């Protein structure tokens, strides 16, 4: 699911397993609650241990982008597999957030 860790001026969400319509809602709520409390400059979504992602994962990233804009921060997506990176770029997420390998 998700493990949250505060770092200097940032919040990292370590995502794991499948991100689909069954899991995205709970992940979203946990990240949003912590981000609103901490108000980080950067929210890092770490996809290192994500094994599957459908369109719910795209929505998860887009929603966190909108949240961080409202909080005056930005989103970075890191440790993305080649397949998930391709899906994110096709969805246009690279125009909204920084996607790092």
PDB file of N, CA and C in Angstrom:
ATOM      1  N   UNK A   1       0.837  -1.196   0.000  1.00  0.00           N
ATOM      2  CA  UNK A   1       0.000   0.000   0.000  1.00  0.00           C
ATOM      3  C   UNK A   1       0.881   1.258   0.000  1.00  0.00           C
ATOM      4  N   UNK A   2       0.978   1.927   1.161  1.00  0.00           N
ATOM      5  CA  UNK A   2       1.767   3.157   1.199  1.00  0.00           C
ATOM      6  C   UNK A   2       2.392   3.346   2.577  1.00  0.00           C
ATOM      7  N   UNK A   3       3.665   3.766   2.562  1.00  0.00           N
ATOM      8  CA  UNK A   3       4.375   4.135   3.789  1.00  0.00           C
ATOM      9  C   UNK A   3       4.798   5.587   3.598  1.00  0.00           C
ATOM     10  N   UNK A   4       4.502   6.431   4.575  1.00  0.00           N
ATOM     11  CA  UNK A   4       4.801   7.862   4.474  1.00  0.00           C
ATOM     12  C   UNK A   4       5.988   8.225   5.349  1.00  0.00           C
ATOM     13  N   UNK A   5       6.869   9.066   4.803  1.00  0.00           N
ATOM     14  CA  UNK A   5       8.048   9.490   5.548  1.00  0.00           C
ATOM     15  C   UNK A   5       8.308  10.971   5.288  1.00  0.00           C
ATOM     16  N   UNK A   6       8.406  11.722   6.389  1.00  0.00           N
ATOM     17  CA  UNK A   6       8.735  13.149   6.277  1.00  0.00           C
ATOM     18  C   UNK A   6      10.242  13.296   6.154  1.00  0.00           C
ATOM     19  N   UNK A   7      10.641  14.182   5.247  1.00  0.00           N
ATOM     20  CA  UNK A   7      12.046  14.524   5.085  1.00  0.00           C
ATOM     21  C   UNK A   7      12.127  16.035   5.044  1.00  0.00           C
ATOM     22  N   UNK A   8      13.333  16.579   4.931  1.00  0.00           N
ATOM     23  CA  UNK A   8      13.497  18.029   4.881  1.00  0.00           C
ATOM     24  C   UNK A   8      12.599  18.632   3.808  1.00  0.00           C
ATOM     25  N   UNK A   9      11.664  19.471   4.226  1.00  0.00           N
ATOM     26  CA  UNK A   9      10.761  20.170   3.309  1.00  0.00           C
ATOM     27  C   UNK A   9      10.013  19.249   2.363  1.00  0.00           C
ATOM     28  N   UNK A  10       9.925  17.973   2.706  1.00  0.00           N
ATOM     29  CA  UNK A  10       9.269  17.055   1.794  1.00  0.00           C
ATOM     30  C   UNK A  10       8.564  15.915   2.489  1.00  0.00           C
ATOM     31  N   UNK A  11       7.735  15.264   1.702  1.00  0.00           N
ATOM     32  CA  UNK A  11       7.008  14.082   2.156  1.00  0.00           C
ATOM     33  C   UNK A  11       7.173  13.037   1.066  1.00  0.00           C
ATOM     34  N   UNK A  12       7.608  11.839   1.447  1.00  0.00           N
ATOM     35  CA  UNK A  12       7.745  10.751   0.485  1.00  0.00           C
ATOM     36  C   UNK A  12       6.713   9.692   0.802  1.00  0.00           C
ATOM     37  N   UNK A  13       5.994   9.279  -0.246  1.00  0.00           N
ATOM     38  CA  UNK A  13       5.032   8.183  -0.141  1.00  0.00           C
ATOM     39  C   UNK A  13       5.623   6.993  -0.888  1.00  0.00           C
ATOM     40  N   UNK A  14       6.003   5.957  -0.141  1.00  0.00           N
ATOM     41  CA  UNK A  14       6.544   4.742  -0.727  1.00  0.00           C
ATOM     42  C   UNK A  14       5.370   3.829  -1.049  1.00  0.00           C
ATOM     43  N   UNK A  15       5.063   3.718  -2.333  1.00  0.00           N
ATOM     44  CA  UNK A  15       3.929   2.920  -2.778  1.00  0.00           C
ATOM     45  C   UNK A  15       4.383   1.497  -3.060  1.00  0.00           C
ATOM     46  N   UNK A  16       3.478   0.535  -2.848  1.00  0.00           N
ATOM     47  CA  UNK A  16       3.834  -0.858  -3.121  1.00  0.00           C
ATOM     48  C   UNK A  16       2.611  -1.654  -3.548  1.00  0.00           C
ATOM     49  N   UNK A  17       2.887  -2.736  -4.247  1.00  0.00           N
ATOM     50  CA  UNK A  17       1.811  -3.618  -4.696  1.00  0.00           C
ATOM     51  C   UNK A  17       1.066  -3.053  -5.887  1.00  0.00           C
ATOM     52  N   UNK A  18      -0.214  -3.384  -5.968  1.00  0.00           N
ATOM     53  CA  UNK A  18      -1.065  -2.937  -7.064  1.00  0.00           C
ATOM     54  C   UNK A  18      -1.723  -1.604  -6.739  1.00  0.00           C
ATOM     55  N   UNK A  19      -1.748  -0.718  -7.727  1.00  0.00           N
ATOM     56  CA  UNK A  19      -2.513   0.521  -7.596  1.00  0.00           C
ATOM     57  C   UNK A  19      -3.651   0.411  -8.597  1.00  0.00           C
ATOM     58  N   UNK A  20      -4.830   0.123  -8.066  1.00  0.00           N
ATOM     59  CA  UNK A  20      -6.015  -0.021  -8.902  1.00  0.00           C
ATOM     60  C   UNK A  20      -7.210   0.562  -8.166  1.00  0.00           C
ATOM     61  N   UNK A  21      -8.402   0.372  -8.714  1.00  0.00           N
ATOM     62  CA  UNK A  21      -9.580   0.992  -8.091  1.00  0.00           C
ATOM     63  C   UNK A  21      -9.860   0.452  -6.691  1.00  0.00           C
ATOM     64  N   UNK A  22      -9.302  -0.699  -6.348  1.00  0.00           N
ATOM     65  CA  UNK A  22      -9.496  -1.263  -5.007  1.00  0.00           C
ATOM     66  C   UNK A  22      -8.613  -0.587  -3.966  1.00  0.00           C
ATOM     67  N   UNK A  23      -7.448  -0.114  -4.373  1.00  0.00           N
ATOM     68  CA  UNK A  23      -6.472   0.419  -3.415  1.00  0.00           C
ATOM     69  C   UNK A  23      -6.261   1.932  -3.491  1.00  0.00           C
ATOM     70  N   UNK A  24      -6.553   2.525  -4.629  1.00  0.00           N
ATOM     71  CA  UNK A  24      -6.216   3.942  -4.844  1.00  0.00           C
ATOM     72  C   UNK A  24      -6.902   4.876  -3.845  1.00  0.00           C
ATOM     73  N   UNK A  25      -8.136   4.604  -3.488  1.00  0.00           N
ATOM     74  CA  UNK A  25      -8.865   5.477  -2.563  1.00  0.00           C
ATOM     75  C   UNK A  25      -8.203   5.590  -1.202  1.00  0.00           C
ATOM     76  N   UNK A  26      -7.821   4.448  -0.650  1.00  0.00           N
ATOM     77  CA  UNK A  26      -7.177   4.455   0.668  1.00  0.00           C
ATOM     78  C   UNK A  26      -5.806   5.132   0.604  1.00  0.00           C
ATOM     79  N   UNK A  27      -5.053   4.864  -0.456  1.00  0.00           N
ATOM     80  CA  UNK A  27      -3.745   5.492  -0.636  1.00  0.00           C
ATOM     81  C   UNK A  27      -3.917   7.003  -0.711  1.00  0.00           C
ATOM     82  N   UNK A  28      -4.875   7.431  -1.508  1.00  0.00           N
ATOM     83  CA  UNK A  28      -5.149   8.865  -1.685  1.00  0.00           C
ATOM     84  C   UNK A  28      -5.463   9.522  -0.345  1.00  0.00           C
ATOM     85  N   UNK A  29      -6.333   8.921   0.430  1.00  0.00           N
ATOM     86  CA  UNK A  29      -6.725   9.496   1.719  1.00  0.00           C
ATOM     87  C   UNK A  29      -5.539   9.622   2.667  1.00  0.00           C
ATOM     88  N   UNK A  30      -4.691   8.601   2.730  1.00  0.00           N
ATOM     89  CA  UNK A  30      -3.533   8.633   3.623  1.00  0.00           C
ATOM     90  C   UNK A  30      -2.545   9.723   3.208  1.00  0.00           C
ATOM     91  N   UNK A  31      -2.257   9.802   1.912  1.00  0.00           N
ATOM     92  CA  UNK A  31      -1.320  10.816   1.427  1.00  0.00           C
ATOM     93  C   UNK A  31      -1.877  12.216   1.648  1.00  0.00           C
ATOM     94  N   UNK A  32      -3.143  12.425   1.289  1.00  0.00           N
ATOM     95  CA  UNK A  32      -3.745  13.755   1.410  1.00  0.00           C
ATOM     96  C   UNK A  32      -3.775  14.236   2.848  1.00  0.00           C
ATOM     97  N   UNK A  33      -4.148  13.348   3.752  1.00  0.00           N
ATOM     98  CA  UNK A  33      -4.229  13.715   5.164  1.00  0.00           C
ATOM     99  C   UNK A  33      -2.866  14.168   5.676  1.00  0.00           C
ATOM    100  N   UNK A  34      -1.826  13.400   5.369  1.00  0.00           N
ATOM    101  CA  UNK A  34      -0.478  13.738   5.834  1.00  0.00           C
ATOM    102  C   UNK A  34       0.037  15.005   5.150  1.00  0.00           C
ATOM    103  N   UNK A  35      -0.213  15.143   3.844  1.00  0.00           N
ATOM    104  CA  UNK A  35       0.263  16.320   3.112  1.00  0.00           C
ATOM    105  C   UNK A  35      -0.399  17.594   3.633  1.00  0.00           C
ATOM    106  N   UNK A  36      -1.680  17.524   3.943  1.00  0.00           N
ATOM    107  CA  UNK A  36      -2.371  18.704   4.459  1.00  0.00           C
ATOM    108  C   UNK A  36      -1.855  19.069   5.848  1.00  0.00           C
ATOM    109  N   UNK A  37      -1.451  18.064   6.616  1.00  0.00           N
ATOM    110  CA  UNK A  37      -0.901  18.297   7.951  1.00  0.00           C
ATOM    111  C   UNK A  37       0.516  18.873   7.870  1.00  0.00           C
ATOM    112  N   UNK A  38       1.363  18.297   7.023  1.00  0.00           N
ATOM    113  CA  UNK A  38       2.774  18.651   6.937  1.00  0.00           C
ATOM    114  C   UNK A  38       3.024  19.849   6.017  1.00  0.00           C
ATOM    115  N   UNK A  39       2.222  19.984   4.963  1.00  0.00           N
ATOM    116  CA  UNK A  39       2.365  21.034   3.944  1.00  0.00           C
ATOM    117  C   UNK A  39       3.779  21.052   3.366  1.00  0.00           C
ATOM    118  N   UNK A  40       4.207  19.932   2.754  1.00  0.00           N
ATOM    119  CA  UNK A  40       5.575  19.839   2.228  1.00  0.00           C
ATOM    120  C   UNK A  40       5.762  20.684   0.975  1.00  0.00           C
ATOM    121  N   UNK A  41       7.006  21.065   0.721  1.00  0.00           N
ATOM    122  CA  UNK A  41       7.315  21.758  -0.533  1.00  0.00           C
ATOM    123  C   UNK A  41       7.258  20.777  -1.695  1.00  0.00           C
ATOM    124  N   UNK A  42       7.675  19.536  -1.427  1.00  0.00           N
ATOM    125  CA  UNK A  42       7.661  18.500  -2.458  1.00  0.00           C
ATOM    126  C   UNK A  42       7.034  17.226  -1.914  1.00  0.00           C
ATOM    127  N   UNK A  43       6.141  16.660  -2.701  1.00  0.00           N
ATOM    128  CA  UNK A  43       5.584  15.342  -2.422  1.00  0.00           C
ATOM    129  C   UNK A  43       6.215  14.390  -3.418  1.00  0.00           C
ATOM    130  N   UNK A  44       6.967  13.422  -2.911  1.00  0.00           N
ATOM    131  CA  UNK A  44       7.609  12.431  -3.756  1.00  0.00           C
ATOM    132  C   UNK A  44       6.804  11.137  -3.703  1.00  0.00           C
ATOM    133  N   UNK A  45       6.354  10.682  -4.855  1.00  0.00           N
ATOM    134  CA  UNK A  45       5.651   9.407  -4.959  1.00  0.00           C
ATOM    135  C   UNK A  45       6.655   8.384  -5.485  1.00  0.00           C
ATOM    136  N   UNK A  46       7.065   7.456  -4.623  1.00  0.00           N
ATOM    137  CA  UNK A  46       8.083   6.465  -4.963  1.00  0.00           C
ATOM    138  C   UNK A  46       7.391   5.183  -5.431  1.00  0.00           C
ATOM    139  N   UNK A  47       7.577   4.838  -6.704  1.00  0.00           N
ATOM    140  CA  UNK A  47       6.911   3.694  -7.327  1.00  0.00           C
ATOM    141  C   UNK A  47       7.785   2.445  -7.360  1.00  0.00           C
ATOM    142  N   UNK A  48       8.878   2.418  -6.610  1.00  0.00           N
ATOM    143  CA  UNK A  48       9.844   1.317  -6.676  1.00  0.00           C
ATOM    144  C   UNK A  48       9.194  -0.058  -6.513  1.00  0.00           C
ATOM    145  N   UNK A  49       8.271  -0.192  -5.574  1.00  0.00           N
ATOM    146  CA  UNK A  49       7.688  -1.499  -5.273  1.00  0.00           C
ATOM    147  C   UNK A  49       6.275  -1.676  -5.836  1.00  0.00           C
ATOM    148  N   UNK A  50       5.900  -0.839  -6.817  1.00  0.00           N
ATOM    149  CA  UNK A  50       4.588  -0.983  -7.455  1.00  0.00           C
ATOM    150  C   UNK A  50       4.690  -2.071  -8.520  1.00  0.00           C
ATOM    151  N   UNK A  51       3.816  -3.065  -8.424  1.00  0.00           N
ATOM    152  CA  UNK A  51       3.846  -4.195  -9.351  1.00  0.00           C
ATOM    153  C   UNK A  51       2.839  -4.053 -10.488  1.00  0.00           C
ATOM    154  N   UNK A  52       1.800  -3.250 -10.280  1.00  0.00           N
ATOM    155  CA  UNK A  52       0.763  -3.056 -11.298  1.00  0.00           C
ATOM    156  C   UNK A  52       0.097  -1.712 -11.067  1.00  0.00           C
ATOM    157  N   UNK A  53      -0.266  -1.042 -12.162  1.00  0.00           N
ATOM    158  CA  UNK A  53      -0.992   0.213 -12.049  1.00  0.00           C
ATOM    159  C   UNK A  53      -1.950   0.323 -13.223  1.00  0.00           C
ATOM    160  N   UNK A  54      -3.212   0.639 -12.932  1.00  0.00           N
ATOM    161  CA  UNK A  54      -4.164   0.921 -14.006  1.00  0.00           C
ATOM    162  C   UNK A  54      -4.462   2.417 -14.007  1.00  0.00           C
ATOM    163  N   UNK A  55      -5.534   2.824 -14.636  1.00  0.00           N
ATOM    164  CA  UNK A  55      -5.860   4.252 -14.738  1.00  0.00           C
ATOM    165  C   UNK A  55      -6.073   4.903 -13.372  1.00  0.00           C
ATOM    166  N   UNK A  56      -6.369   4.111 -12.361  1.00  0.00           N
ATOM    167  CA  UNK A  56      -6.509   4.661 -11.005  1.00  0.00           C
ATOM    168  C   UNK A  56      -5.187   5.253 -10.526  1.00  0.00           C
ATOM    169  N   UNK A  57      -4.079   4.696 -10.966  1.00  0.00           N
ATOM    170  CA  UNK A  57      -2.772   5.227 -10.618  1.00  0.00           C
ATOM    171  C   UNK A  57      -2.526   6.581 -11.268  1.00  0.00           C
ATOM    172  N   UNK A  58      -3.000   6.737 -12.499  1.00  0.00           N
ATOM    173  CA  UNK A  58      -2.905   8.029 -13.184  1.00  0.00           C
ATOM    174  C   UNK A  58      -3.716   9.060 -12.403  1.00  0.00           C
ATOM    175  N   UNK A  59      -4.920   8.680 -12.024  1.00  0.00           N
ATOM    176  CA  UNK A  59      -5.773   9.571 -11.234  1.00  0.00           C
ATOM    177  C   UNK A  59      -5.157   9.917  -9.891  1.00  0.00           C
ATOM    178  N   UNK A  60      -4.489   8.948  -9.288  1.00  0.00           N
ATOM    179  CA  UNK A  60      -3.823   9.170  -8.007  1.00  0.00           C
ATOM    180  C   UNK A  60      -2.756  10.257  -8.148  1.00  0.00           C
ATOM    181  N   UNK A  61      -1.942  10.156  -9.183  1.00  0.00           N
ATOM    182  CA  UNK A  61      -0.876  11.148  -9.402  1.00  0.00           C
ATOM    183  C   UNK A  61      -1.488  12.513  -9.732  1.00  0.00           C
ATOM    184  N   UNK A  62      -2.467  12.540 -10.623  1.00  0.00           N
ATOM    185  CA  UNK A  62      -3.090  13.812 -11.008  1.00  0.00           C
ATOM    186  C   UNK A  62      -3.742  14.510  -9.817  1.00  0.00           C
ATOM    187  N   UNK A  63      -4.416  13.744  -8.985  1.00  0.00           N
ATOM    188  CA  UNK A  63      -5.059  14.317  -7.802  1.00  0.00           C
ATOM    189  C   UNK A  63      -4.058  14.883  -6.815  1.00  0.00           C
ATOM    190  N   UNK A  64      -2.908  14.203  -6.651  1.00  0.00           N
ATOM    191  CA  UNK A  64      -1.879  14.710  -5.740  1.00  0.00           C
ATOM    192  C   UNK A  64      -1.223  15.959  -6.328  1.00  0.00           C
ATOM    193  N   UNK A  65      -1.147  16.020  -7.646  1.00  0.00           N
ATOM    194  CA  UNK A  65      -0.645  17.233  -8.306  1.00  0.00           C
ATOM    195  C   UNK A  65      -1.553  18.416  -7.972  1.00  0.00           C
ATOM    196  N   UNK A  66      -2.848  18.210  -8.082  1.00  0.00           N
ATOM    197  CA  UNK A  66      -3.803  19.289  -7.790  1.00  0.00           C
ATOM    198  C   UNK A  66      -3.735  19.681  -6.312  1.00  0.00           C
ATOM    199  N   UNK A  67      -3.623  18.696  -5.430  1.00  0.00           N
ATOM    200  CA  UNK A  67      -3.517  18.981  -4.001  1.00  0.00           C
ATOM    201  C   UNK A  67      -2.266  19.808  -3.717  1.00  0.00           C
ATOM    202  N   UNK A  68      -1.138  19.389  -4.270  1.00  0.00           N
ATOM    203  CA  UNK A  68       0.108  20.096  -3.998  1.00  0.00           C
ATOM    204  C   UNK A  68       0.101  21.497  -4.603  1.00  0.00           C
ATOM    205  N   UNK A  69      -0.574  21.683  -5.710  1.00  0.00           N
ATOM    206  CA  UNK A  69      -0.708  23.034  -6.256  1.00  0.00           C
ATOM    207  C   UNK A  69      -1.454  23.913  -5.269  1.00  0.00           C
ATOM    208  N   UNK A  70      -2.512  23.380  -4.674  1.00  0.00           N
ATOM    209  CA  UNK A  70      -3.291  24.168  -3.718  1.00  0.00           C
ATOM    210  C   UNK A  70      -2.496  24.461  -2.445  1.00  0.00           C
ATOM    211  N   UNK A  71      -1.507  23.610  -2.145  1.00  0.00           N
ATOM    212  CA  UNK A  71      -0.666  23.800  -0.958  1.00  0.00           C
ATOM    213  C   UNK A  71       0.616  24.577  -1.288  1.00  0.00           C
ATOM    214  N   UNK A  72       0.786  24.939  -2.555  1.00  0.00           N
ATOM    215  CA  UNK A  72       1.970  25.686  -2.961  1.00  0.00           C
ATOM    216  C   UNK A  72       3.205  24.831  -3.154  1.00  0.00           C
ATOM    217  N   UNK A  73       3.013  23.549  -3.382  1.00  0.00           N
ATOM    218  CA  UNK A  73       4.148  22.647  -3.555  1.00  0.00           C
ATOM    219  C   UNK A  73       4.132  21.972  -4.907  1.00  0.00           C
ATOM    220  N   UNK A  74       5.004  20.969  -5.056  1.00  0.00           N
ATOM    221  CA  UNK A  74       5.100  20.239  -6.315  1.00  0.00           C
ATOM    222  C   UNK A  74       5.171  18.740  -6.055  1.00  0.00           C
ATOM    223  N   UNK A  75       5.030  17.980  -7.134  1.00  0.00           N
ATOM    224  CA  UNK A  75       5.057  16.518  -7.048  1.00  0.00           C
ATOM    225  C   UNK A  75       6.199  15.987  -7.909  1.00  0.00           C
ATOM    226  N   UNK A  76       6.896  14.994  -7.382  1.00  0.00           N
ATOM    227  CA  UNK A  76       7.892  14.247  -8.149  1.00  0.00           C
ATOM    228  C   UNK A  76       7.526  12.766  -8.055  1.00  0.00           C
ATOM    229  N   UNK A  77       7.691  12.056  -9.156  1.00  0.00           N
ATOM    230  CA  UNK A  77       7.435  10.621  -9.201  1.00  0.00           C
ATOM    231  C   UNK A  77       8.774   9.948  -9.472  1.00  0.00           C
ATOM    232  N   UNK A  78       9.161   9.014  -8.605  1.00  0.00           N
ATOM    233  CA  UNK A  78      10.482   8.398  -8.726  1.00  0.00           C
ATOM    234  C   UNK A  78      10.405   6.878  -8.781  1.00  0.00           C
ATOM    235  N   UNK A  79      11.520   6.288  -9.199  1.00  0.00           N
ATOM    236  CA  UNK A  79      11.676   4.828  -9.251  1.00  0.00           C
ATOM    237  C   UNK A  79      10.555   4.148 -10.022  1.00  0.00           C
ATOM    238  N   UNK A  80      10.278   4.693 -11.206  1.00  0.00           N
ATOM    239  CA  UNK A  80       9.179   4.196 -12.029  1.00  0.00           C
ATOM    240  C   UNK A  80       9.720   3.158 -13.007  1.00  0.00           C
ATOM    241  N   UNK A  81       9.050   2.014 -13.101  1.00  0.00           N
ATOM    242  CA  UNK A  81       9.454   1.000 -14.076  1.00  0.00           C
ATOM    243  C   UNK A  81       9.231   1.541 -15.485  1.00  0.00           C
ATOM    244  N   UNK A  82       9.888   0.943 -16.452  1.00  0.00           N
ATOM    245  CA  UNK A  82       9.782   1.397 -17.841  1.00  0.00           C
ATOM    246  C   UNK A  82       8.329   1.355 -18.321  1.00  0.00           C
ATOM    247  N   UNK A  83       7.617   0.299 -17.965  1.00  0.00           N
ATOM    248  CA  UNK A  83       6.225   0.160 -18.404  1.00  0.00           C
ATOM    249  C   UNK A  83       5.327   1.245 -17.797  1.00  0.00           C
ATOM    250  N   UNK A  84       5.436   1.441 -16.507  1.00  0.00           N
ATOM    251  CA  UNK A  84       4.600   2.443 -15.837  1.00  0.00           C
ATOM    252  C   UNK A  84       4.991   3.844 -16.302  1.00  0.00           C
ATOM    253  N   UNK A  85       6.265   4.086 -16.515  1.00  0.00           N
ATOM    254  CA  UNK A  85       6.720   5.369 -17.040  1.00  0.00           C
ATOM    255  C   UNK A  85       6.071   5.660 -18.392  1.00  0.00           C
ATOM    256  N   UNK A  86       6.037   4.653 -19.245  1.00  0.00           N
ATOM    257  CA  UNK A  86       5.430   4.811 -20.567  1.00  0.00           C
ATOM    258  C   UNK A  86       3.950   5.173 -20.444  1.00  0.00           C
ATOM    259  N   UNK A  87       3.240   4.499 -19.559  1.00  0.00           N
ATOM    260  CA  UNK A  87       1.817   4.787 -19.335  1.00  0.00           C
ATOM    261  C   UNK A  87       1.638   6.221 -18.840  1.00  0.00           C
ATOM    262  N   UNK A  88       2.498   6.647 -17.914  1.00  0.00           N
ATOM    263  CA  UNK A  88       2.406   8.008 -17.370  1.00  0.00           C
ATOM    264  C   UNK A  88       2.652   9.060 -18.452  1.00  0.00           C
ATOM    265  N   UNK A  89       3.636   8.814 -19.301  1.00  0.00           N
ATOM    266  CA  UNK A  89       3.938   9.768 -20.370  1.00  0.00           C
ATOM    267  C   UNK A  89       2.800   9.811 -21.386  1.00  0.00           C
ATOM    268  N   UNK A  90       2.249   8.659 -21.738  1.00  0.00           N
ATOM    269  CA  UNK A  90       1.110   8.621 -22.655  1.00  0.00           C
ATOM    270  C   UNK A  90      -0.087   9.389 -22.092  1.00  0.00           C
ATOM    271  N   UNK A  91      -0.228   9.378 -20.767  1.00  0.00           N
ATOM    272  CA  UNK A  91      -1.327  10.100 -20.119  1.00  0.00           C
ATOM    273  C   UNK A  91      -1.015  11.590 -19.957  1.00  0.00           C
ATOM    274  N   UNK A  92       0.218  11.992 -20.278  1.00  0.00           N
ATOM    275  CA  UNK A  92       0.592  13.395 -20.186  1.00  0.00           C
ATOM    276  C   UNK A  92       1.054  13.850 -18.816  1.00  0.00           C
ATOM    277  N   UNK A  93       1.300  12.902 -17.914  1.00  0.00           N
ATOM    278  CA  UNK A  93       1.716  13.281 -16.559  1.00  0.00           C
ATOM    279  C   UNK A  93       3.075  13.969 -16.538  1.00  0.00           C
ATOM    280  N   UNK A  94       3.919  13.683 -17.543  1.00  0.00           N
ATOM    281  CA  UNK A  94       5.242  14.311 -17.574  1.00  0.00           C
ATOM    282  C   UNK A  94       5.164  15.814 -17.776  1.00  0.00           C
ATOM    283  N   UNK A  95       4.008  16.325 -18.188  1.00  0.00           N
ATOM    284  CA  UNK A  95       3.809  17.756 -18.336  1.00  0.00           C
ATOM    285  C   UNK A  95       3.396  18.422 -17.013  1.00  0.00           C
ATOM    286  N   UNK A  96       3.004  17.584 -16.044  1.00  0.00           N
ATOM    287  CA  UNK A  96       2.543  18.091 -14.745  1.00  0.00           C
ATOM    288  C   UNK A  96       3.554  17.858 -13.626  1.00  0.00           C
ATOM    289  N   UNK A  97       4.193  16.714 -13.657  1.00  0.00           N
ATOM    290  CA  UNK A  97       5.105  16.331 -12.570  1.00  0.00           C
ATOM    291  C   UNK A  97       6.437  15.870 -13.144  1.00  0.00           C
ATOM    292  N   UNK A  98       7.463  15.894 -12.312  1.00  0.00           N
ATOM    293  CA  UNK A  98       8.773  15.365 -12.693  1.00  0.00           C
ATOM    294  C   UNK A  98       8.720  13.840 -12.524  1.00  0.00           C
ATOM    295  N   UNK A  99       9.062  13.105 -13.584  1.00  0.00           N
ATOM    296  CA  UNK A  99       9.093  11.644 -13.523  1.00  0.00           C
ATOM    297  C   UNK A  99      10.544  11.207 -13.641  1.00  0.00           C
ATOM    298  N   UNK A 100      11.045  10.595 -12.569  1.00  0.00           N
ATOM    299  CA  UNK A 100      12.437  10.129 -12.540  1.00  0.00           C
ATOM    300  C   UNK A 100      12.454   8.610 -12.537  1.00  0.00           C
ATOM    301  N   UNK A 101      13.481   8.057 -13.151  1.00  0.00           N
ATOM    302  CA  UNK A 101      13.601   6.593 -13.203  1.00  0.00           C
ATOM    303  C   UNK A 101      13.937   6.005 -11.884  1.00  0.00           C
TER     304      UNK A 101
END
